Amino acid sequence: MMDKLKEGKADEVLDLRGESCPEPQIEIVKRLNHMKAGEVLEVISDEEPMDVTIPAICKSRGYPCLSVKEGTTYRIRILKTGSA
């Protein structure tokens, strides 16, 4: 599962730079709800709390995720699984 998060192109990209809570979390959940199991969503954000809140959302839904910080930007890849 983690290989799919680390490698390859995301199925969808959600650029949330400049957005502040709670809108990004709402948009992420909406997007994930419309994705198929096995697809990867990449979220791009420059808001530091997203590095904590997005993994928490993923954990509560059973979705593996991987967060990478690039300067002041976070790239968080989420694998939509069939568990939620």
Protein backbone atom coordinates (compact mmCIF):
# COMPACT_ATOMS: atom_id res chain seq x y z
CA MET A 1 0.00 0.00 0.00
CA MET A 2 2.71 2.50 0.94
CA ASP A 3 4.43 1.89 -2.43
CA LYS A 4 1.34 3.27 -4.16
CA LEU A 5 1.58 6.42 -2.02
CA LYS A 6 5.31 6.91 -2.63
CA GLU A 7 5.44 6.12 -6.33
CA GLY A 8 3.44 6.98 -9.39
CA LYS A 9 1.11 9.78 -10.28
CA ALA A 10 -1.82 10.75 -8.07
CA ASP A 11 -5.24 10.08 -9.56
CA GLU A 12 -6.43 13.50 -8.38
CA VAL A 13 -4.67 16.60 -7.05
CA LEU A 14 -6.30 19.11 -4.73
CA ASP A 15 -4.34 22.37 -4.41
CA LEU A 16 -5.41 24.10 -1.21
CA ARG A 17 -2.59 26.62 -0.88
CA GLY A 18 -3.87 29.84 0.64
CA GLU A 19 -6.95 28.15 2.13
CA SER A 20 -7.56 28.09 5.88
CA CYS A 21 -9.53 25.76 8.15
CA PRO A 22 -12.12 24.33 8.00
CA GLU A 23 -12.67 24.61 4.22
CA PRO A 24 -9.68 22.41 3.23
CA GLN A 25 -10.85 19.54 5.41
CA ILE A 26 -14.35 19.77 3.96
CA GLU A 27 -12.99 19.77 0.39
CA ILE A 28 -10.73 16.78 1.10
CA VAL A 29 -13.58 14.70 2.53
CA LYS A 30 -15.85 15.63 -0.40
CA ARG A 31 -13.19 14.66 -2.94
CA LEU A 32 -12.40 11.37 -1.19
CA ASN A 33 -16.10 10.50 -1.03
CA HIS A 34 -16.24 10.64 -4.85
CA MET A 35 -13.07 8.64 -5.47
CA LYS A 36 -12.83 4.90 -6.01
CA ALA A 37 -10.99 2.48 -3.73
CA GLY A 38 -7.35 2.22 -4.79
CA GLU A 39 -7.12 5.79 -6.08
CA VAL A 40 -4.63 8.31 -4.67
CA LEU A 41 -5.48 11.91 -3.80
CA GLU A 42 -2.60 14.35 -3.46
CA VAL A 43 -3.33 17.40 -1.32
CA ILE A 44 -1.07 20.44 -1.57
CA SER A 45 -1.26 22.92 1.30
CA ASP A 46 0.79 25.68 2.86
CA GLU A 47 -1.12 25.67 6.15
CA GLU A 48 0.92 23.99 8.87
CA PRO A 49 -2.00 22.48 10.83
CA MET A 50 -2.87 20.45 7.72
CA ASP A 51 0.15 18.24 8.44
CA VAL A 52 -1.71 17.11 11.57
CA THR A 53 -5.38 17.41 10.63
CA ILE A 54 -5.25 15.55 7.32
CA PRO A 55 -3.51 12.47 8.76
CA ALA A 56 -6.08 12.51 11.60
CA ILE A 57 -8.95 12.54 9.08
CA CYS A 58 -7.30 9.71 7.15
CA LYS A 59 -6.74 7.62 10.27
CA SER A 60 -10.38 7.99 11.32
CA ARG A 61 -11.47 6.72 7.88
CA GLY A 62 -8.85 3.98 7.59
CA TYR A 63 -7.01 5.63 4.67
CA PRO A 64 -3.21 5.36 4.62
CA CYS A 65 -1.46 8.66 3.96
CA LEU A 66 2.02 10.00 3.48
CA SER A 67 3.04 13.59 4.21
CA VAL A 68 6.12 15.32 2.79
CA LYS A 69 7.18 18.88 3.57
CA GLU A 70 8.81 20.84 0.74
CA GLY A 71 9.86 24.24 2.12
CA THR A 72 6.63 25.80 3.38
CA THR A 73 4.41 23.48 1.35
CA TYR A 74 2.98 20.12 2.39
CA ARG A 75 2.22 17.37 -0.10
CA ILE A 76 -0.01 14.78 1.47
CA ARG A 77 -0.92 11.68 -0.52
CA ILE A 78 -3.98 9.73 0.57
CA LEU A 79 -4.89 6.23 -0.60
CA LYS A 80 -8.63 5.75 -0.77
CA THR A 81 -9.39 2.28 0.53
CA GLY A 82 -12.63 0.34 0.61
CA SER A 83 -12.83 0.57 4.41
CA ALA A 84 -14.86 3.80 4.56
